[in-house]
Amino acid sequence: MSQHPLGLAAADPAGVWAAAIGTAGVFTLLIVLVWQIAATWRARMLAAREEQYKELARKYAELLEDNVELHRRSAEELTTARRSIEAMDRKLMREVE
């Protein structure tokens, strides 16, 4: 047993190839795992962003509806005020005549 383990590996070409293929396989597995984890993380981030956009669009729609309702009420109040002023104007014109 005076031979070194390194000397045995160098003497066995099949063992060297097996070790190289095994090492390449492990590194390939690690690369695939990291790639899949990154892809999953990215998909989750995109889904979260999509939900934020949907929430923002829903809030915008609500604000738009509120704005339209306020505009409608303002127009009604303006019409009522205009009629009231016209009525007062006619009454004052009759009193002047």
PDB file of N, CA and C in Angstrom:
ATOM      1  N   MET A   1       0.807  -1.183   0.000  1.00  0.00           N
ATOM      2  CA  MET A   1       0.000   0.000   0.000  1.00  0.00           C
ATOM      3  C   MET A   1       0.851   1.247   0.000  1.00  0.00           C
ATOM      4  N   SER A   2       1.904   1.185  -0.699  1.00  0.00           N
ATOM      5  CA  SER A   2       2.768   2.342  -0.769  1.00  0.00           C
ATOM      6  C   SER A   2       2.329   3.290  -1.874  1.00  0.00           C
ATOM      7  N   GLN A   3       1.322   2.873  -2.645  1.00  0.00           N
ATOM      8  CA  GLN A   3       0.850   3.742  -3.723  1.00  0.00           C
ATOM      9  C   GLN A   3      -0.055   4.824  -3.150  1.00  0.00           C
ATOM     10  N   HIS A   4       0.026   5.983  -3.736  1.00  0.00           N
ATOM     11  CA  HIS A   4      -0.817   7.102  -3.319  1.00  0.00           C
ATOM     12  C   HIS A   4      -2.163   6.989  -4.013  1.00  0.00           C
ATOM     13  N   PRO A   5      -3.247   7.483  -3.383  1.00  0.00           N
ATOM     14  CA  PRO A   5      -4.565   7.423  -4.028  1.00  0.00           C
ATOM     15  C   PRO A   5      -4.585   8.186  -5.348  1.00  0.00           C
ATOM     16  N   LEU A   6      -3.813   9.240  -5.439  1.00  0.00           N
ATOM     17  CA  LEU A   6      -3.765  10.007  -6.680  1.00  0.00           C
ATOM     18  C   LEU A   6      -3.148   9.181  -7.795  1.00  0.00           C
ATOM     19  N   GLY A   7      -2.194   8.389  -7.468  1.00  0.00           N
ATOM     20  CA  GLY A   7      -1.570   7.524  -8.445  1.00  0.00           C
ATOM     21  C   GLY A   7      -2.524   6.471  -8.954  1.00  0.00           C
ATOM     22  N   LEU A   8      -3.422   5.987  -8.123  1.00  0.00           N
ATOM     23  CA  LEU A   8      -4.418   5.004  -8.549  1.00  0.00           C
ATOM     24  C   LEU A   8      -5.427   5.625  -9.499  1.00  0.00           C
ATOM     25  N   ALA A   9      -5.851   6.860  -9.205  1.00  0.00           N
ATOM     26  CA  ALA A   9      -6.829   7.528 -10.060  1.00  0.00           C
ATOM     27  C   ALA A   9      -6.234   7.817 -11.423  1.00  0.00           C
ATOM     28  N   ALA A  10      -4.986   8.173 -11.447  1.00  0.00           N
ATOM     29  CA  ALA A  10      -4.342   8.469 -12.721  1.00  0.00           C
ATOM     30  C   ALA A  10      -4.124   7.193 -13.527  1.00  0.00           C
ATOM     31  N   ALA A  11      -3.960   6.073 -12.857  1.00  0.00           N
ATOM     32  CA  ALA A  11      -3.731   4.811 -13.556  1.00  0.00           C
ATOM     33  C   ALA A  11      -5.021   4.245 -14.128  1.00  0.00           C
ATOM     34  N   ASP A  12      -6.192   4.693 -13.644  1.00  0.00           N
ATOM     35  CA  ASP A  12      -7.482   4.155 -14.094  1.00  0.00           C
ATOM     36  C   ASP A  12      -8.209   5.216 -14.916  1.00  0.00           C
ATOM     37  N   PRO A  13      -8.084   5.184 -16.237  1.00  0.00           N
ATOM     38  CA  PRO A  13      -8.726   6.200 -17.069  1.00  0.00           C
ATOM     39  C   PRO A  13     -10.254   6.168 -16.962  1.00  0.00           C
ATOM     40  N   ALA A  14     -10.829   5.026 -16.773  1.00  0.00           N
ATOM     41  CA  ALA A  14     -12.296   4.945 -16.633  1.00  0.00           C
ATOM     42  C   ALA A  14     -12.748   5.644 -15.362  1.00  0.00           C
ATOM     43  N   GLY A  15     -11.970   5.511 -14.308  1.00  0.00           N
ATOM     44  CA  GLY A  15     -12.304   6.186 -13.045  1.00  0.00           C
ATOM     45  C   GLY A  15     -12.203   7.692 -13.178  1.00  0.00           C
ATOM     46  N   VAL A  16     -11.216   8.134 -13.932  1.00  0.00           N
ATOM     47  CA  VAL A  16     -11.060   9.576 -14.156  1.00  0.00           C
ATOM     48  C   VAL A  16     -12.257  10.106 -14.927  1.00  0.00           C
ATOM     49  N   TRP A  17     -12.655   9.377 -15.959  1.00  0.00           N
ATOM     50  CA  TRP A  17     -13.821   9.819 -16.746  1.00  0.00           C
ATOM     51  C   TRP A  17     -15.096   9.778 -15.911  1.00  0.00           C
ATOM     52  N   ALA A  18     -15.249   8.764 -15.105  1.00  0.00           N
ATOM     53  CA  ALA A  18     -16.432   8.664 -14.243  1.00  0.00           C
ATOM     54  C   ALA A  18     -16.479   9.829 -13.259  1.00  0.00           C
ATOM     55  N   ALA A  19     -15.334  10.162 -12.684  1.00  0.00           N
ATOM     56  CA  ALA A  19     -15.278  11.287 -11.746  1.00  0.00           C
ATOM     57  C   ALA A  19     -15.592  12.602 -12.459  1.00  0.00           C
ATOM     58  N   ALA A  20     -15.057  12.756 -13.663  1.00  0.00           N
ATOM     59  CA  ALA A  20     -15.308  13.991 -14.424  1.00  0.00           C
ATOM     60  C   ALA A  20     -16.783  14.099 -14.788  1.00  0.00           C
ATOM     61  N   ILE A  21     -17.377  13.007 -15.227  1.00  0.00           N
ATOM     62  CA  ILE A  21     -18.807  13.032 -15.601  1.00  0.00           C
ATOM     63  C   ILE A  21     -19.667  13.258 -14.367  1.00  0.00           C
ATOM     64  N   GLY A  22     -19.295  12.616 -13.257  1.00  0.00           N
ATOM     65  CA  GLY A  22     -20.034  12.826 -12.006  1.00  0.00           C
ATOM     66  C   GLY A  22     -19.961  14.263 -11.539  1.00  0.00           C
ATOM     67  N   THR A  23     -18.768  14.852 -11.607  1.00  0.00           N
ATOM     68  CA  THR A  23     -18.597  16.250 -11.200  1.00  0.00           C
ATOM     69  C   THR A  23     -19.392  17.179 -12.117  1.00  0.00           C
ATOM     70  N   ALA A  24     -19.322  16.897 -13.427  1.00  0.00           N
ATOM     71  CA  ALA A  24     -20.092  17.722 -14.374  1.00  0.00           C
ATOM     72  C   ALA A  24     -21.587  17.571 -14.115  1.00  0.00           C
ATOM     73  N   GLY A  25     -22.013  16.371 -13.773  1.00  0.00           N
ATOM     74  CA  GLY A  25     -23.429  16.155 -13.468  1.00  0.00           C
ATOM     75  C   GLY A  25     -23.878  16.915 -12.239  1.00  0.00           C
ATOM     76  N   VAL A  26     -23.048  16.907 -11.207  1.00  0.00           N
ATOM     77  CA  VAL A  26     -23.385  17.646  -9.981  1.00  0.00           C
ATOM     78  C   VAL A  26     -23.467  19.136 -10.267  1.00  0.00           C
ATOM     79  N   PHE A  27     -22.487  19.667 -11.000  1.00  0.00           N
ATOM     80  CA  PHE A  27     -22.527  21.092 -11.334  1.00  0.00           C
ATOM     81  C   PHE A  27     -23.725  21.425 -12.213  1.00  0.00           C
ATOM     82  N   THR A  28     -24.049  20.542 -13.147  1.00  0.00           N
ATOM     83  CA  THR A  28     -25.228  20.766 -13.994  1.00  0.00           C
ATOM     84  C   THR A  28     -26.497  20.769 -13.146  1.00  0.00           C
ATOM     85  N   LEU A  29     -26.590  19.829 -12.210  1.00  0.00           N
ATOM     86  CA  LEU A  29     -27.749  19.782 -11.311  1.00  0.00           C
ATOM     87  C   LEU A  29     -27.850  21.067 -10.494  1.00  0.00           C
ATOM     88  N   LEU A  30     -26.746  21.543  -9.974  1.00  0.00           N
ATOM     89  CA  LEU A  30     -26.753  22.786  -9.200  1.00  0.00           C
ATOM     90  C   LEU A  30     -27.170  23.973 -10.060  1.00  0.00           C
ATOM     91  N   ILE A  31     -26.665  24.017 -11.279  1.00  0.00           N
ATOM     92  CA  ILE A  31     -27.031  25.116 -12.182  1.00  0.00           C
ATOM     93  C   ILE A  31     -28.523  25.082 -12.475  1.00  0.00           C
ATOM     94  N   VAL A  32     -29.057  23.897 -12.741  1.00  0.00           N
ATOM     95  CA  VAL A  32     -30.488  23.770 -13.035  1.00  0.00           C
ATOM     96  C   VAL A  32     -31.322  24.157 -11.822  1.00  0.00           C
ATOM     97  N   LEU A  33     -30.896  23.729 -10.641  1.00  0.00           N
ATOM     98  CA  LEU A  33     -31.631  24.088  -9.428  1.00  0.00           C
ATOM     99  C   LEU A  33     -31.646  25.598  -9.213  1.00  0.00           C
ATOM    100  N   VAL A  34     -30.493  26.233  -9.336  1.00  0.00           N
ATOM    101  CA  VAL A  34     -30.425  27.693  -9.166  1.00  0.00           C
ATOM    102  C   VAL A  34     -31.272  28.383 -10.220  1.00  0.00           C
ATOM    103  N   TRP A  35     -31.201  27.890 -11.449  1.00  0.00           N
ATOM    104  CA  TRP A  35     -31.983  28.481 -12.538  1.00  0.00           C
ATOM    105  C   TRP A  35     -33.480  28.377 -12.252  1.00  0.00           C
ATOM    106  N   GLN A  36     -33.933  27.229 -11.787  1.00  0.00           N
ATOM    107  CA  GLN A  36     -35.355  27.034 -11.499  1.00  0.00           C
ATOM    108  C   GLN A  36     -35.808  27.879 -10.316  1.00  0.00           C
ATOM    109  N   ILE A  37     -34.972  27.973  -9.311  1.00  0.00           N
ATOM    110  CA  ILE A  37     -35.319  28.819  -8.161  1.00  0.00           C
ATOM    111  C   ILE A  37     -35.437  30.277  -8.601  1.00  0.00           C
ATOM    112  N   ALA A  38     -34.505  30.726  -9.433  1.00  0.00           N
ATOM    113  CA  ALA A  38     -34.563  32.108  -9.928  1.00  0.00           C
ATOM    114  C   ALA A  38     -35.793  32.319 -10.799  1.00  0.00           C
ATOM    115  N   ALA A  39     -36.129  31.344 -11.637  1.00  0.00           N
ATOM    116  CA  ALA A  39     -37.311  31.478 -12.500  1.00  0.00           C
ATOM    117  C   ALA A  39     -38.591  31.510 -11.658  1.00  0.00           C
ATOM    118  N   THR A  40     -38.653  30.690 -10.619  1.00  0.00           N
ATOM    119  CA  THR A  40     -39.817  30.681  -9.733  1.00  0.00           C
ATOM    120  C   THR A  40     -39.936  32.014  -9.001  1.00  0.00           C
ATOM    121  N   TRP A  41     -38.833  32.512  -8.507  1.00  0.00           N
ATOM    122  CA  TRP A  41     -38.840  33.797  -7.807  1.00  0.00           C
ATOM    123  C   TRP A  41     -39.301  34.916  -8.737  1.00  0.00           C
ATOM    124  N   ARG A  42     -38.791  34.895  -9.966  1.00  0.00           N
ATOM    125  CA  ARG A  42     -39.179  35.918 -10.947  1.00  0.00           C
ATOM    126  C   ARG A  42     -40.667  35.831 -11.270  1.00  0.00           C
ATOM    127  N   ALA A  43     -41.186  34.623 -11.412  1.00  0.00           N
ATOM    128  CA  ALA A  43     -42.611  34.453 -11.698  1.00  0.00           C
ATOM    129  C   ALA A  43     -43.464  34.965 -10.540  1.00  0.00           C
ATOM    130  N   ARG A  44     -43.022  34.702  -9.326  1.00  0.00           N
ATOM    131  CA  ARG A  44     -43.772  35.207  -8.161  1.00  0.00           C
ATOM    132  C   ARG A  44     -43.753  36.723  -8.113  1.00  0.00           C
ATOM    133  N   MET A  45     -42.607  37.312  -8.421  1.00  0.00           N
ATOM    134  CA  MET A  45     -42.508  38.768  -8.424  1.00  0.00           C
ATOM    135  C   MET A  45     -43.416  39.371  -9.497  1.00  0.00           C
ATOM    136  N   LEU A  46     -43.441  38.744 -10.675  1.00  0.00           N
ATOM    137  CA  LEU A  46     -44.309  39.244 -11.747  1.00  0.00           C
ATOM    138  C   LEU A  46     -45.776  39.108 -11.361  1.00  0.00           C
ATOM    139  N   ALA A  47     -46.128  38.008 -10.706  1.00  0.00           N
ATOM    140  CA  ALA A  47     -47.512  37.821 -10.267  1.00  0.00           C
ATOM    141  C   ALA A  47     -47.889  38.868  -9.220  1.00  0.00           C
ATOM    142  N   ALA A  48     -46.981  39.151  -8.305  1.00  0.00           N
ATOM    143  CA  ALA A  48     -47.253  40.176  -7.290  1.00  0.00           C
ATOM    144  C   ALA A  48     -47.414  41.544  -7.951  1.00  0.00           C
ATOM    145  N   ARG A  49     -46.574  41.837  -8.936  1.00  0.00           N
ATOM    146  CA  ARG A  49     -46.682  43.108  -9.645  1.00  0.00           C
ATOM    147  C   ARG A  49     -48.005  43.184 -10.407  1.00  0.00           C
ATOM    148  N   GLU A  50     -48.405  42.065 -10.988  1.00  0.00           N
ATOM    149  CA  GLU A  50     -49.684  42.019 -11.707  1.00  0.00           C
ATOM    150  C   GLU A  50     -50.844  42.313 -10.758  1.00  0.00           C
ATOM    151  N   GLU A  51     -50.785  41.749  -9.560  1.00  0.00           N
ATOM    152  CA  GLU A  51     -51.827  42.006  -8.563  1.00  0.00           C
ATOM    153  C   GLU A  51     -51.833  43.480  -8.155  1.00  0.00           C
ATOM    154  N   GLN A  52     -50.655  44.067  -8.028  1.00  0.00           N
ATOM    155  CA  GLN A  52     -50.585  45.494  -7.687  1.00  0.00           C
ATOM    156  C   GLN A  52     -51.200  46.344  -8.796  1.00  0.00           C
ATOM    157  N   TYR A  53     -50.930  45.983 -10.054  1.00  0.00           N
ATOM    158  CA  TYR A  53     -51.518  46.719 -11.173  1.00  0.00           C
ATOM    159  C   TYR A  53     -53.038  46.571 -11.187  1.00  0.00           C
ATOM    160  N   LYS A  54     -53.530  45.374 -10.897  1.00  0.00           N
ATOM    161  CA  LYS A  54     -54.983  45.158 -10.853  1.00  0.00           C
ATOM    162  C   LYS A  54     -55.616  45.992  -9.749  1.00  0.00           C
ATOM    163  N   GLU A  55     -54.967  46.034  -8.583  1.00  0.00           N
ATOM    164  CA  GLU A  55     -55.481  46.833  -7.471  1.00  0.00           C
ATOM    165  C   GLU A  55     -55.467  48.320  -7.834  1.00  0.00           C
ATOM    166  N   LEU A  56     -54.405  48.760  -8.471  1.00  0.00           N
ATOM    167  CA  LEU A  56     -54.318  50.158  -8.897  1.00  0.00           C
ATOM    168  C   LEU A  56     -55.404  50.487  -9.917  1.00  0.00           C
ATOM    169  N   ALA A  57     -55.653  49.591 -10.844  1.00  0.00           N
ATOM    170  CA  ALA A  57     -56.701  49.813 -11.849  1.00  0.00           C
ATOM    171  C   ALA A  57     -58.075  49.847 -11.192  1.00  0.00           C
ATOM    172  N   ARG A  58     -58.295  48.980 -10.193  1.00  0.00           N
ATOM    173  CA  ARG A  58     -59.584  48.974  -9.484  1.00  0.00           C
ATOM    174  C   ARG A  58     -59.786  50.293  -8.737  1.00  0.00           C
ATOM    175  N   LYS A  59     -58.739  50.768  -8.052  1.00  0.00           N
ATOM    176  CA  LYS A  59     -58.844  52.045  -7.341  1.00  0.00           C
ATOM    177  C   LYS A  59     -59.091  53.196  -8.310  1.00  0.00           C
ATOM    178  N   TYR A  60     -58.409  53.160  -9.452  1.00  0.00           N
ATOM    179  CA  TYR A  60     -58.601  54.202 -10.465  1.00  0.00           C
ATOM    180  C   TYR A  60     -60.038  54.200 -10.962  1.00  0.00           C
ATOM    181  N   ALA A  61     -60.610  53.021 -11.192  1.00  0.00           N
ATOM    182  CA  ALA A  61     -61.997  52.932 -11.659  1.00  0.00           C
ATOM    183  C   ALA A  61     -62.951  53.497 -10.612  1.00  0.00           C
ATOM    184  N   GLU A  62     -62.698  53.181  -9.340  1.00  0.00           N
ATOM    185  CA  GLU A  62     -63.546  53.728  -8.276  1.00  0.00           C
ATOM    186  C   GLU A  62     -63.443  55.256  -8.226  1.00  0.00           C
ATOM    187  N   LEU A  63     -62.217  55.765  -8.306  1.00  0.00           N
ATOM    188  CA  LEU A  63     -62.037  57.219  -8.281  1.00  0.00           C
ATOM    189  C   LEU A  63     -62.697  57.884  -9.480  1.00  0.00           C
ATOM    190  N   LEU A  64     -62.626  57.237 -10.617  1.00  0.00           N
ATOM    191  CA  LEU A  64     -63.258  57.776 -11.810  1.00  0.00           C
ATOM    192  C   LEU A  64     -64.772  57.832 -11.644  1.00  0.00           C
ATOM    193  N   GLU A  65     -65.342  56.750 -11.077  1.00  0.00           N
ATOM    194  CA  GLU A  65     -66.786  56.746 -10.825  1.00  0.00           C
ATOM    195  C   GLU A  65     -67.173  57.848  -9.840  1.00  0.00           C
ATOM    196  N   ASP A  66     -66.376  58.002  -8.776  1.00  0.00           N
ATOM    197  CA  ASP A  66     -66.644  59.063  -7.806  1.00  0.00           C
ATOM    198  C   ASP A  66     -66.563  60.434  -8.466  1.00  0.00           C
ATOM    199  N   ASN A  67     -65.572  60.622  -9.323  1.00  0.00           N
ATOM    200  CA  ASN A  67     -65.390  61.891 -10.015  1.00  0.00           C
ATOM    201  C   ASN A  67     -66.582  62.188 -10.926  1.00  0.00           C
ATOM    202  N   VAL A  68     -67.048  61.171 -11.635  1.00  0.00           N
ATOM    203  CA  VAL A  68     -68.206  61.357 -12.522  1.00  0.00           C
ATOM    204  C   VAL A  68     -69.437  61.719 -11.700  1.00  0.00           C
ATOM    205  N   GLU A  69     -69.608  61.058 -10.560  1.00  0.00           N
ATOM    206  CA  GLU A  69     -70.766  61.361  -9.697  1.00  0.00           C
ATOM    207  C   GLU A  69     -70.669  62.797  -9.158  1.00  0.00           C
ATOM    208  N   LEU A  70     -69.484  63.206  -8.742  1.00  0.00           N
ATOM    209  CA  LEU A  70     -69.313  64.585  -8.262  1.00  0.00           C
ATOM    210  C   LEU A  70     -69.584  65.592  -9.376  1.00  0.00           C
ATOM    211  N   HIS A  71     -69.147  65.283 -10.569  1.00  0.00           N
ATOM    212  CA  HIS A  71     -69.389  66.166 -11.710  1.00  0.00           C
ATOM    213  C   HIS A  71     -70.883  66.262 -11.995  1.00  0.00           C
ATOM    214  N   ARG A  72     -71.584  65.139 -11.940  1.00  0.00           N
ATOM    215  CA  ARG A  72     -73.028  65.138 -12.173  1.00  0.00           C
ATOM    216  C   ARG A  72     -73.745  65.982 -11.118  1.00  0.00           C
ATOM    217  N   ARG A  73     -73.361  65.790  -9.838  1.00  0.00           N
ATOM    218  CA  ARG A  73     -73.990  66.569  -8.768  1.00  0.00           C
ATOM    219  C   ARG A  73     -73.704  68.057  -8.932  1.00  0.00           C
ATOM    220  N   SER A  74     -72.468  68.395  -9.278  1.00  0.00           N
ATOM    221  CA  SER A  74     -72.113  69.803  -9.478  1.00  0.00           C
ATOM    222  C   SER A  74     -72.932  70.404 -10.613  1.00  0.00           C
ATOM    223  N   ALA A  75     -73.112  69.647 -11.678  1.00  0.00           N
ATOM    224  CA  ALA A  75     -73.904  70.144 -12.800  1.00  0.00           C
ATOM    225  C   ALA A  75     -75.359  70.351 -12.383  1.00  0.00           C
ATOM    226  N   GLU A  76     -75.896  69.420 -11.593  1.00  0.00           N
ATOM    227  CA  GLU A  76     -77.277  69.581 -11.113  1.00  0.00           C
ATOM    228  C   GLU A  76     -77.402  70.808 -10.221  1.00  0.00           C
ATOM    229  N   GLU A  77     -76.446  70.984  -9.304  1.00  0.00           N
ATOM    230  CA  GLU A  77     -76.486  72.139  -8.412  1.00  0.00           C
ATOM    231  C   GLU A  77     -76.340  73.438  -9.197  1.00  0.00           C
ATOM    232  N   LEU A  78     -75.493  73.445 -10.185  1.00  0.00           N
ATOM    233  CA  LEU A  78     -75.317  74.625 -11.024  1.00  0.00           C
ATOM    234  C   LEU A  78     -76.607  74.934 -11.790  1.00  0.00           C
ATOM    235  N   THR A  79     -77.263  73.913 -12.296  1.00  0.00           N
ATOM    236  CA  THR A  79     -78.530  74.111 -13.010  1.00  0.00           C
ATOM    237  C   THR A  79     -79.596  74.666 -12.063  1.00  0.00           C
ATOM    238  N   THR A  80     -79.648  74.116 -10.856  1.00  0.00           N
ATOM    239  CA  THR A  80     -80.610  74.603  -9.857  1.00  0.00           C
ATOM    240  C   THR A  80     -80.314  76.058  -9.502  1.00  0.00           C
ATOM    241  N   ALA A  81     -79.056  76.389  -9.304  1.00  0.00           N
ATOM    242  CA  ALA A  81     -78.689  77.771  -8.969  1.00  0.00           C
ATOM    243  C   ALA A  81     -79.013  78.708 -10.129  1.00  0.00           C
ATOM    244  N   ARG A  82     -78.741  78.245 -11.341  1.00  0.00           N
ATOM    245  CA  ARG A  82     -79.032  79.075 -12.513  1.00  0.00           C
ATOM    246  C   ARG A  82     -80.539  79.346 -12.617  1.00  0.00           C
ATOM    247  N   ARG A  83     -81.358  78.325 -12.402  1.00  0.00           N
ATOM    248  CA  ARG A  83     -82.818  78.522 -12.445  1.00  0.00           C
ATOM    249  C   ARG A  83     -83.285  79.473 -11.361  1.00  0.00           C
ATOM    250  N   SER A  84     -82.695  79.326 -10.170  1.00  0.00           N
ATOM    251  CA  SER A  84     -83.070  80.200  -9.068  1.00  0.00           C
ATOM    252  C   SER A  84     -82.695  81.653  -9.381  1.00  0.00           C
ATOM    253  N   ILE A  85     -81.510  81.860  -9.934  1.00  0.00           N
ATOM    254  CA  ILE A  85     -81.081  83.215 -10.286  1.00  0.00           C
ATOM    255  C   ILE A  85     -81.964  83.782 -11.387  1.00  0.00           C
ATOM    256  N   GLU A  86     -82.309  82.957 -12.373  1.00  0.00           N
ATOM    257  CA  GLU A  86     -83.193  83.428 -13.445  1.00  0.00           C
ATOM    258  C   GLU A  86     -84.559  83.807 -12.895  1.00  0.00           C
ATOM    259  N   ALA A  87     -85.074  83.000 -11.947  1.00  0.00           N
ATOM    260  CA  ALA A  87     -86.374  83.313 -11.344  1.00  0.00           C
ATOM    261  C   ALA A  87     -86.300  84.616 -10.560  1.00  0.00           C
ATOM    262  N   MET A  88     -85.212  84.800  -9.799  1.00  0.00           N
ATOM    263  CA  MET A  88     -85.071  86.044  -9.047  1.00  0.00           C
ATOM    264  C   MET A  88     -84.913  87.225  -9.998  1.00  0.00           C
ATOM    265  N   ASP A  89     -84.195  87.013 -11.088  1.00  0.00           N
ATOM    266  CA  ASP A  89     -83.986  88.064 -12.073  1.00  0.00           C
ATOM    267  C   ASP A  89     -85.329  88.477 -12.688  1.00  0.00           C
ATOM    268  N   ARG A  90     -86.163  87.483 -13.055  1.00  0.00           N
ATOM    269  CA  ARG A  90     -87.490  87.813 -13.622  1.00  0.00           C
ATOM    270  C   ARG A  90     -88.356  88.551 -12.609  1.00  0.00           C
ATOM    271  N   LYS A  91     -88.283  88.122 -11.355  1.00  0.00           N
ATOM    272  CA  LYS A  91     -89.081  88.767 -10.314  1.00  0.00           C
ATOM    273  C   LYS A  91     -88.634  90.206 -10.124  1.00  0.00           C
ATOM    274  N   LEU A  92     -87.305  90.438 -10.125  1.00  0.00           N
ATOM    275  CA  LEU A  92     -86.805  91.794  -9.967  1.00  0.00           C
ATOM    276  C   LEU A  92     -87.187  92.670 -11.172  1.00  0.00           C
ATOM    277  N   MET A  93     -87.164  92.078 -12.368  1.00  0.00           N
ATOM    278  CA  MET A  93     -87.522  92.839 -13.579  1.00  0.00           C
ATOM    279  C   MET A  93     -88.995  93.236 -13.525  1.00  0.00           C
ATOM    280  N   ARG A  94     -89.833  92.320 -13.021  1.00  0.00           N
ATOM    281  CA  ARG A  94     -91.265  92.674 -12.899  1.00  0.00           C
ATOM    282  C   ARG A  94     -91.457  93.780 -11.889  1.00  0.00           C
ATOM    283  N   GLU A  95     -90.731  93.738 -10.794  1.00  0.00           N
ATOM    284  CA  GLU A  95     -90.878  94.763  -9.772  1.00  0.00           C
ATOM    285  C   GLU A  95     -90.362  96.108 -10.279  1.00  0.00           C
ATOM    286  N   VAL A  96     -89.347  96.109 -11.130  1.00  0.00           N
ATOM    287  CA  VAL A  96     -88.800  97.336 -11.666  1.00  0.00           C
ATOM    288  C   VAL A  96     -89.794  97.942 -12.651  1.00  0.00           C
ATOM    289  N   GLU A  97     -90.460  97.120 -13.425  1.00  0.00           N
ATOM    290  CA  GLU A  97     -91.398  97.627 -14.427  1.00  0.00           C
ATOM    291  C   GLU A  97     -92.594  98.132 -13.739  1.00  0.00           C
TER     292      GLU A  97
END
